[in-house]
Amino acid sequence: MRRRTLITGAAAGGIGGITLIGTGAFDAASAERTATVNFADDEDAYLGLISKSAYATTDGDGELALAFGDVSGDGDGIGRNSQFFFDEVFAIANQGTETVSITATSDTDAFDGEFRLYPTGDRDGGLDDPDNAVVLETGSEQPVGTYVETGDVDVTDELDIDITVEATFEEDDQPDDPAPEPPETIDETEFYSTASLTDTDGEVLDDESVVAVRAEPTAENENPESDDGFVSYPDDVEIPLAAADGNVVGFGSGLGPDASSVDDNRTLIVNAWQTVLDGTGTVLYDETHGQELTLDAFSELESVAEGRGFTVEAIDADFLDALDDADAVMVATSDNDVASVGGFSDSERSALADFVDDGGAVFLHGTASFTSTSNGALNAVLDDLDAAFRFNFDQVVDNDNNGGDFFIPRTSNFNDDEFPNFFLAEGEL
């Protein structure tokens, strides 16, 4: 058995007014005369004190007070050399999730008399005897009576009584601590002019261990350029917009430029950086392959990342040499900008593969195949990285869930089970 004190109170005042210092709900306290009680919200507390009579009242601060004035025949209240039984004055309630055994003790050294708490219905009993502890099932309560014997004392004297109520649990039957509040998460992301993703064979990507974000069920994908590499998603398959395989992450769109007003987009990107790298580091933003969008177009993303401890640097020359001092590389494409300059060379793709093998991370951002795309150049990189996904040659549209037009799908269809940290709100990771 293990004993845990769940309620304590320091009683004060004359015998006509005994105050249990504390609210009707406690989770732990010390049994000092000047006790400071650690309060718990009623719904979280293991035990509670509940008034059951006119003798027990709760004030505006939630303190349970016992007052026994004006109870004798002539209205003079408690007298000396007398004994009084007050049945069902208040109740102790089990608000926890486990059965407990209840005892209550009173320190009456402060006066020449007796003060005892007893289970209502058993005036000869006492809650101070562990052998007669009251067993309380979950959701039940025990009415408590109060016995007072004054003796030859001045009942108007100031009186301090320490009262401690304890609960005993079986060693293997301890009440669980209240579950912590779940962290806040992002609400919704917006994939402006986005492609979908496929598997390595150019088929539907349905691997839940890889897909991080899907479009809403209302979305569909189309082939506006009649591209031979187009993979059509059937109506019963939700379309993947972001995927991660080890240290390689792909997003169907740029997602986080300053032109986007959706801050959750940037939070998602930086969360992915921090999760994949298991911390922060130096992220190189590639400008060496004809990218239309430079790092200046992602200044808000850079600010979020640097606020978490990242260093974000643009590289506009010497791509291979720059990898030596980087932890991650971000490649963001727009239309056919990267493809128009020939994409990544054999040596660059090989260097990126070695970079990932050594623990570096690569984050690739595709674009919809509407007015041409560089997804083919990105797929060549993914081939050398041996990643489990590829970029599709399509445009994902959604007439119902969008940011103002059908080609700006919005979604909160997140794979929280596989990638929970990707979707934490800013400040939670």
Protein backbone atom coordinates (compact mmCIF):
# COMPACT_ATOMS: atom_id res chain seq x y z
CA MET A 1 0.00 0.00 0.00
CA ARG A 2 1.14 3.54 -0.61
CA ARG A 3 -0.29 6.49 1.29
CA ARG A 4 -0.76 9.81 -0.43
CA THR A 5 -2.20 12.87 1.34
CA LEU A 6 -4.78 14.42 -0.92
CA ILE A 7 -6.56 16.89 1.38
CA THR A 8 -5.40 18.87 4.36
CA GLY A 9 -6.91 21.73 6.30
CA ALA A 10 -5.87 23.96 9.17
CA ALA A 11 -8.93 24.79 11.29
CA ALA A 12 -8.99 28.11 13.10
CA GLY A 13 -11.23 30.32 15.26
CA GLY A 14 -13.42 29.62 18.27
CA ILE A 15 -15.12 26.27 18.73
CA GLY A 16 -18.24 27.80 17.26
CA GLY A 17 -16.51 28.40 13.96
CA ILE A 18 -14.05 25.89 12.54
CA THR A 19 -12.67 26.61 9.11
CA LEU A 20 -11.15 23.99 6.82
CA ILE A 21 -8.61 26.01 4.89
CA GLY A 22 -8.89 24.97 1.28
CA THR A 23 -11.37 24.63 -1.54
CA GLY A 24 -13.67 21.76 -2.26
CA ALA A 25 -11.06 20.16 -4.50
CA PHE A 26 -7.44 19.30 -3.79
CA ASP A 27 -4.76 17.15 -5.33
CA ALA A 28 -1.95 17.39 -2.76
CA ALA A 29 -0.96 19.37 0.32
CA SER A 30 1.32 19.34 3.36
CA ALA A 31 -0.07 18.85 6.85
CA GLU A 32 1.56 21.89 8.42
CA ARG A 33 -0.50 24.15 10.68
CA THR A 34 0.13 26.99 8.21
CA ALA A 35 -0.54 24.68 5.29
CA THR A 36 -0.36 25.92 1.74
CA VAL A 37 -2.77 23.79 -0.26
CA ASN A 38 -2.00 22.90 -3.87
CA PHE A 39 -5.32 23.36 -5.59
CA ALA A 40 -6.68 21.45 -8.55
CA ASP A 41 -9.56 22.22 -10.84
CA ASP A 42 -12.64 20.31 -9.72
CA GLU A 43 -12.58 18.11 -12.79
CA ASP A 44 -8.93 17.17 -12.17
CA ALA A 45 -8.95 16.69 -8.39
CA TYR A 46 -8.80 13.24 -6.85
CA LEU A 47 -10.93 14.17 -3.80
CA GLY A 48 -13.48 16.87 -3.09
CA LEU A 49 -15.19 18.43 -0.04
CA ILE A 50 -18.93 19.03 -0.41
CA SER A 51 -21.21 20.88 2.02
CA LYS A 52 -24.14 18.77 3.21
CA SER A 53 -25.62 20.92 5.98
CA ALA A 54 -26.13 24.41 7.30
CA TYR A 55 -23.05 23.84 9.47
CA ALA A 56 -20.77 23.63 6.43
CA THR A 57 -20.55 26.51 4.05
CA THR A 58 -18.32 27.48 1.16
CA ASP A 59 -17.32 31.12 0.86
CA GLY A 60 -16.50 33.07 -2.25
CA ASP A 61 -12.94 31.81 -2.16
CA GLY A 62 -14.08 28.20 -2.06
CA GLU A 63 -13.10 27.60 1.59
CA LEU A 64 -15.23 25.05 3.43
CA ALA A 65 -16.09 26.38 6.91
CA LEU A 66 -17.74 24.53 9.80
CA ALA A 67 -19.76 26.74 12.16
CA PHE A 68 -21.73 25.30 15.12
CA GLY A 69 -23.12 28.39 16.78
CA ASP A 70 -26.75 28.64 17.92
CA VAL A 71 -27.36 24.91 18.24
CA SER A 72 -28.38 24.61 21.93
CA GLY A 73 -31.98 24.84 23.12
CA ASP A 74 -31.79 28.44 24.21
CA GLY A 75 -29.68 29.59 21.25
CA ASP A 76 -26.49 30.12 23.20
CA GLY A 77 -24.50 27.75 20.98
CA ILE A 78 -22.03 25.13 22.18
CA GLY A 79 -21.44 25.18 25.94
CA ARG A 80 -18.76 23.76 28.21
CA ASN A 81 -18.83 20.24 29.64
CA SER A 82 -21.02 19.14 26.77
CA GLN A 83 -20.90 16.77 23.85
CA PHE A 84 -22.54 17.24 20.49
CA PHE A 85 -23.08 15.02 17.44
CA PHE A 86 -23.62 16.71 14.08
CA ASP A 87 -24.51 14.09 11.43
CA GLU A 88 -23.83 14.56 7.71
CA VAL A 89 -22.12 17.93 8.03
CA PHE A 90 -20.13 17.58 4.80
CA ALA A 91 -19.03 14.83 2.42
CA ILE A 92 -15.74 13.58 1.01
CA ALA A 93 -16.14 12.67 -2.67
CA ASN A 94 -13.92 10.43 -4.80
CA GLN A 95 -13.50 12.43 -7.99
CA GLY A 96 -10.64 10.30 -9.29
CA THR A 97 -10.51 7.21 -11.45
CA GLU A 98 -9.53 4.61 -8.82
CA THR A 99 -11.03 3.19 -5.63
CA VAL A 100 -9.49 4.75 -2.49
CA SER A 101 -9.56 4.20 1.29
CA ILE A 102 -10.24 7.39 3.29
CA THR A 103 -9.07 8.36 6.78
CA ALA A 104 -9.27 11.72 8.57
CA THR A 105 -7.37 12.88 11.65
CA SER A 106 -7.77 15.93 13.87
CA ASP A 107 -5.09 17.48 16.08
CA THR A 108 -6.90 18.69 19.22
CA ASP A 109 -3.85 19.49 21.36
CA ALA A 110 -4.94 23.13 21.27
CA PHE A 111 -7.86 22.64 23.66
CA ASP A 112 -9.08 20.45 26.53
CA GLY A 113 -11.71 18.53 24.67
CA GLU A 114 -12.35 16.21 21.77
CA PHE A 115 -13.00 16.89 18.13
CA ARG A 116 -13.63 13.89 15.92
CA LEU A 117 -14.85 13.20 12.41
CA TYR A 118 -16.94 10.07 11.92
CA PRO A 119 -18.80 8.40 9.06
CA THR A 120 -22.41 9.49 9.26
CA GLY A 121 -24.43 6.58 10.60
CA ASP A 122 -21.66 5.38 12.91
CA ARG A 123 -21.36 7.81 15.80
CA ASP A 124 -19.09 5.38 17.68
CA GLY A 125 -16.74 5.15 14.74
CA GLY A 126 -13.96 7.42 13.72
CA LEU A 127 -12.29 8.29 10.47
CA ASP A 128 -8.94 8.44 12.26
CA ASP A 129 -8.65 4.64 12.52
CA PRO A 130 -6.85 3.13 9.49
CA ASP A 131 -8.39 -0.25 10.30
CA ASN A 132 -11.83 1.25 9.74
CA ALA A 133 -10.96 3.28 6.68
CA VAL A 134 -13.91 4.12 4.44
CA VAL A 135 -13.63 2.64 0.95
CA LEU A 136 -14.83 5.01 -1.76
CA GLU A 137 -15.51 3.79 -5.27
CA THR A 138 -15.03 6.13 -8.18
CA GLY A 139 -17.82 8.71 -8.26
CA SER A 140 -19.06 7.96 -4.73
CA GLU A 141 -19.01 10.10 -1.62
CA GLN A 142 -18.94 9.59 2.17
CA PRO A 143 -21.07 11.83 4.42
CA VAL A 144 -19.06 12.94 7.44
CA GLY A 145 -20.35 13.81 10.88
CA THR A 146 -18.61 15.89 13.55
CA TYR A 147 -18.39 15.03 17.26
CA VAL A 148 -17.44 17.83 19.65
CA GLU A 149 -16.82 17.39 23.42
CA THR A 150 -15.89 20.67 25.03
CA GLY A 151 -14.83 19.74 28.56
CA ASP A 152 -14.29 22.45 31.18
CA VAL A 153 -12.98 25.05 28.74
CA ASP A 154 -13.81 28.55 27.69
CA VAL A 155 -15.51 27.90 24.38
CA THR A 156 -14.92 31.46 23.26
CA ASP A 157 -11.13 30.97 23.26
CA GLU A 158 -9.38 31.01 19.92
CA LEU A 159 -8.83 27.47 18.69
CA ASP A 160 -6.59 25.89 16.04
CA ILE A 161 -7.33 22.39 14.82
CA ASP A 162 -5.28 20.71 12.11
CA ILE A 163 -7.39 18.36 10.03
CA THR A 164 -5.88 15.97 7.50
CA VAL A 165 -7.85 13.76 5.13
CA GLU A 166 -5.81 11.04 3.47
CA ALA A 167 -6.45 8.53 0.70
CA THR A 168 -4.65 5.20 0.37
CA PHE A 169 -4.20 3.49 -2.96
CA GLU A 170 -3.04 0.00 -3.82
CA GLU A 171 0.58 0.03 -5.01
CA ASP A 172 -0.52 -1.00 -8.49
CA ASP A 173 -3.71 1.01 -8.35
CA GLN A 174 -2.42 4.57 -8.17
CA PRO A 175 -4.52 7.26 -9.83
CA ASP A 176 -3.04 8.47 -13.06
CA ASP A 177 -1.84 12.04 -13.17
CA PRO A 178 -4.12 14.22 -15.26
CA ALA A 179 -3.19 13.92 -18.93
CA PRO A 180 -1.21 16.92 -20.17
CA GLU A 181 -2.92 19.28 -22.53
CA PRO A 182 -2.18 18.29 -26.15
CA PRO A 183 0.04 20.75 -28.04
CA GLU A 184 -1.54 23.24 -30.40
CA THR A 185 -1.33 22.42 -34.09
CA ILE A 186 -1.56 24.38 -37.33
CA ASP A 187 -5.05 24.77 -38.74
CA GLU A 188 -4.84 24.73 -42.51
CA THR A 189 -2.30 24.97 -45.32
CA GLU A 190 -2.63 26.46 -48.79
CA PHE A 191 -0.89 24.86 -51.79
CA TYR A 192 -0.86 27.52 -54.49
CA SER A 193 -0.59 26.07 -58.01
CA THR A 194 0.50 22.68 -56.77
CA ALA A 195 1.39 19.37 -58.30
CA SER A 196 0.65 16.07 -56.61
CA LEU A 197 3.14 13.29 -55.86
CA THR A 198 3.43 9.72 -57.18
CA ASP A 199 5.40 6.63 -56.25
CA THR A 200 8.71 5.70 -57.88
CA ASP A 201 6.97 3.77 -60.67
CA GLY A 202 4.81 6.68 -61.67
CA GLU A 203 1.73 5.25 -60.03
CA VAL A 204 -0.65 6.42 -57.31
CA LEU A 205 1.24 7.13 -54.06
CA ASP A 206 -0.67 5.50 -51.20
CA ASP A 207 2.15 4.71 -48.76
CA GLU A 208 1.06 6.19 -45.41
CA SER A 209 4.63 6.04 -44.11
CA VAL A 210 5.65 8.52 -46.83
CA VAL A 211 2.65 10.81 -47.46
CA ALA A 212 2.61 13.74 -45.01
CA VAL A 213 -0.17 15.96 -46.44
CA ARG A 214 -3.09 15.12 -48.69
CA ALA A 215 -5.59 17.36 -50.41
CA GLU A 216 -9.15 17.34 -49.10
CA PRO A 217 -11.46 14.65 -50.54
CA THR A 218 -13.11 17.37 -52.64
CA ALA A 219 -9.93 17.88 -54.69
CA GLU A 220 -9.04 16.29 -58.03
CA ASN A 221 -6.05 16.45 -60.34
CA GLU A 222 -6.03 17.37 -64.00
CA ASN A 223 -3.61 17.38 -66.92
CA PRO A 224 -3.84 20.85 -68.49
CA GLU A 225 -0.75 20.35 -70.69
CA SER A 226 -1.60 16.82 -71.82
CA ASP A 227 1.69 15.59 -70.43
CA ASP A 228 2.52 11.94 -71.04
CA GLY A 229 3.83 11.62 -67.46
CA PHE A 230 0.47 12.54 -65.93
CA VAL A 231 -0.87 10.17 -63.26
CA SER A 232 -4.59 10.47 -62.66
CA TYR A 233 -5.88 10.03 -59.11
CA PRO A 234 -9.19 8.18 -58.80
CA ASP A 235 -12.02 9.72 -56.81
CA ASP A 236 -11.58 7.31 -53.90
CA VAL A 237 -7.90 8.20 -53.30
CA GLU A 238 -7.00 11.44 -51.52
CA ILE A 239 -4.28 13.24 -53.45
CA PRO A 240 -0.83 13.57 -51.80
CA LEU A 241 0.66 17.08 -51.75
CA ALA A 242 3.70 16.54 -49.50
CA ALA A 243 5.84 13.51 -48.72
CA ALA A 244 8.93 12.63 -46.73
CA ASP A 245 11.33 9.72 -47.02
CA GLY A 246 14.13 9.89 -44.48
CA ASN A 247 16.04 13.13 -45.07
CA VAL A 248 14.28 13.93 -48.35
CA VAL A 249 11.05 15.96 -48.31
CA GLY A 250 8.93 17.08 -51.24
CA PHE A 251 6.16 19.70 -51.42
CA GLY A 252 3.94 20.03 -54.48
CA SER A 253 4.28 23.82 -54.47
CA GLY A 254 6.52 26.63 -53.25
CA LEU A 255 4.16 26.80 -50.25
CA GLY A 256 5.95 29.45 -48.19
CA PRO A 257 6.85 32.56 -50.24
CA ASP A 258 5.96 36.01 -48.95
CA ALA A 259 3.15 36.13 -51.51
CA SER A 260 1.28 33.61 -49.37
CA SER A 261 -0.72 35.08 -46.49
CA VAL A 262 -0.98 31.69 -44.75
CA ASP A 263 1.54 31.65 -41.91
CA ASP A 264 0.83 27.96 -41.24
CA ASN A 265 2.55 27.19 -44.56
CA ARG A 266 5.85 28.58 -43.28
CA THR A 267 5.39 26.86 -39.93
CA LEU A 268 4.93 23.54 -41.74
CA ILE A 269 8.13 24.01 -43.76
CA VAL A 270 10.29 24.95 -40.77
CA ASN A 271 8.74 22.16 -38.70
CA ALA A 272 9.81 19.74 -41.44
CA TRP A 273 13.34 21.19 -41.39
CA GLN A 274 13.62 20.91 -37.62
CA THR A 275 12.11 17.42 -37.48
CA VAL A 276 14.23 15.93 -40.24
CA LEU A 277 17.43 17.52 -38.92
CA ASP A 278 16.47 16.69 -35.33
CA GLY A 279 17.34 20.26 -34.45
CA THR A 280 18.49 23.37 -36.27
CA GLY A 281 21.40 24.13 -38.58
CA THR A 282 22.37 25.88 -41.80
CA VAL A 283 19.89 25.68 -44.68
CA LEU A 284 21.13 26.71 -48.11
CA TYR A 285 18.58 28.21 -50.47
CA ASP A 286 19.61 27.32 -54.00
CA GLU A 287 19.71 30.14 -56.56
CA THR A 288 22.23 28.49 -58.92
CA HIS A 289 19.77 26.76 -61.26
CA GLY A 290 17.84 29.63 -62.77
CA GLN A 291 15.26 29.86 -59.99
CA GLU A 292 12.73 32.60 -60.57
CA LEU A 293 12.06 32.88 -56.83
CA THR A 294 15.15 33.96 -54.91
CA LEU A 295 15.54 33.85 -51.13
CA ASP A 296 14.24 37.43 -51.03
CA ALA A 297 10.85 36.02 -52.02
CA PHE A 298 10.96 33.83 -48.88
CA SER A 299 12.00 36.47 -46.37
CA GLU A 300 9.15 35.64 -43.97
CA LEU A 301 10.09 31.96 -44.05
CA GLU A 302 13.69 32.96 -43.35
CA SER A 303 12.54 35.04 -40.38
CA VAL A 304 10.53 32.17 -38.87
CA ALA A 305 13.48 29.80 -39.30
CA GLU A 306 16.03 32.19 -37.83
CA GLY A 307 13.68 32.80 -34.91
CA ARG A 308 14.09 29.12 -34.08
CA GLY A 309 17.86 29.16 -34.43
CA PHE A 310 18.39 28.27 -38.09
CA THR A 311 20.84 30.00 -40.37
CA VAL A 312 19.39 30.47 -43.86
CA GLU A 313 21.75 31.46 -46.66
CA ALA A 314 21.30 31.92 -50.40
CA ILE A 315 23.86 30.37 -52.75
CA ASP A 316 24.14 31.76 -56.28
CA ALA A 317 27.43 30.09 -57.26
CA ASP A 318 29.64 27.10 -56.43
CA PHE A 319 26.77 24.77 -55.55
CA LEU A 320 29.01 21.77 -54.92
CA ASP A 321 31.43 23.64 -52.64
CA ALA A 322 28.58 25.16 -50.64
CA LEU A 323 27.35 21.73 -49.58
CA ASP A 324 30.40 21.28 -47.35
CA ASP A 325 29.09 23.87 -44.89
CA ALA A 326 25.38 23.03 -45.02
CA ASP A 327 22.97 20.87 -43.06
CA ALA A 328 20.13 21.14 -45.57
CA VAL A 329 19.35 22.41 -49.06
CA MET A 330 16.07 23.95 -50.21
CA VAL A 331 15.20 23.96 -53.92
CA ALA A 332 12.06 25.89 -54.90
CA THR A 333 10.95 25.87 -58.53
CA SER A 334 8.48 27.99 -60.48
CA ASP A 335 7.16 26.76 -63.83
CA ASN A 336 10.12 25.50 -65.94
CA ASP A 337 12.82 27.78 -64.48
CA VAL A 338 15.15 24.97 -63.31
CA ALA A 339 14.36 22.73 -66.27
CA SER A 340 15.17 25.52 -68.74
CA VAL A 341 18.81 25.61 -67.61
CA GLY A 342 19.22 21.86 -67.78
CA GLY A 343 18.37 21.00 -64.18
CA PHE A 344 21.03 19.50 -61.91
CA SER A 345 24.14 18.00 -63.47
CA ASP A 346 25.22 14.40 -62.92
CA SER A 347 27.94 15.54 -60.51
CA GLU A 348 25.50 17.74 -58.56
CA ARG A 349 22.97 14.93 -58.20
CA SER A 350 25.71 12.56 -57.09
CA ALA A 351 26.96 15.13 -54.57
CA LEU A 352 23.42 15.55 -53.20
CA ALA A 353 23.16 11.76 -52.78
CA ASP A 354 26.44 11.75 -50.80
CA PHE A 355 25.18 14.76 -48.84
CA VAL A 356 22.03 12.89 -47.78
CA ASP A 357 24.02 9.73 -46.98
CA ASP A 358 26.14 11.84 -44.63
CA GLY A 359 23.05 13.14 -42.77
CA GLY A 360 22.18 16.20 -44.84
CA ALA A 361 18.59 16.95 -45.82
CA VAL A 362 17.08 17.98 -49.14
CA PHE A 363 13.76 19.85 -49.40
CA LEU A 364 12.29 20.07 -52.92
CA HIS A 365 9.37 22.27 -53.96
CA GLY A 366 7.64 21.49 -57.24
CA THR A 367 4.96 23.35 -59.15
CA ALA A 368 1.79 22.58 -61.09
CA SER A 369 2.13 21.62 -64.74
CA PHE A 370 0.04 24.50 -66.02
CA THR A 371 2.44 26.70 -67.97
CA SER A 372 5.22 24.08 -67.95
CA THR A 373 7.02 22.71 -64.90
CA SER A 374 10.44 21.73 -63.55
CA ASN A 375 9.15 18.59 -61.88
CA GLY A 376 11.11 16.42 -64.30
CA ALA A 377 14.37 18.05 -63.17
CA LEU A 378 13.40 17.44 -59.54
CA ASN A 379 12.54 13.82 -60.28
CA ALA A 380 16.03 13.31 -61.69
CA VAL A 381 17.38 14.42 -58.31
CA LEU A 382 14.96 12.09 -56.51
CA ASP A 383 16.16 9.20 -58.69
CA ASP A 384 19.73 9.66 -57.45
CA LEU A 385 18.53 10.15 -53.87
CA ASP A 386 16.56 6.89 -54.17
CA ALA A 387 13.55 8.55 -52.52
CA ALA A 388 10.18 6.80 -52.30
CA PHE A 389 8.18 9.48 -54.13
CA ARG A 390 8.24 11.55 -57.32
CA PHE A 391 6.50 14.72 -58.54
CA ASN A 392 3.49 14.33 -60.79
CA PHE A 393 2.92 16.27 -64.02
CA ASP A 394 -0.46 17.68 -63.11
CA GLN A 395 -2.40 20.44 -61.41
CA VAL A 396 -4.42 19.78 -58.26
CA VAL A 397 -7.69 21.72 -58.11
CA ASP A 398 -10.43 22.04 -55.52
CA ASN A 399 -13.66 23.91 -56.14
CA ASP A 400 -14.83 23.65 -52.53
CA ASN A 401 -11.77 24.07 -50.30
CA ASN A 402 -9.51 26.75 -51.68
CA GLY A 403 -7.91 30.12 -51.08
CA GLY A 404 -10.08 32.04 -53.52
CA ASP A 405 -9.80 30.00 -56.70
CA PHE A 406 -9.88 26.36 -57.76
CA PHE A 407 -6.11 26.13 -58.33
CA ILE A 408 -5.30 27.20 -54.73
CA PRO A 409 -6.38 24.13 -52.75
CA ARG A 410 -6.45 24.42 -48.98
CA THR A 411 -6.21 21.42 -46.70
CA SER A 412 -5.93 20.25 -43.12
CA ASN A 413 -5.72 16.61 -44.21
CA PHE A 414 -2.52 15.92 -42.27
CA ASN A 415 -0.89 12.58 -41.50
CA ASP A 416 -0.55 13.24 -37.78
CA ASP A 417 0.19 9.60 -37.01
CA GLU A 418 3.41 9.40 -39.03
CA PHE A 419 4.55 13.03 -38.92
CA PRO A 420 3.07 14.62 -35.76
CA ASN A 421 5.80 17.26 -35.37
CA PHE A 422 5.27 18.57 -38.90
CA PHE A 423 1.93 20.03 -37.85
CA LEU A 424 2.66 21.63 -34.49
CA ALA A 425 1.75 25.30 -34.12
CA GLU A 426 4.51 27.90 -34.06
CA GLY A 427 6.27 27.78 -30.71
CA GLU A 428 5.23 24.18 -29.91
CA LEU A 429 8.20 22.35 -31.46
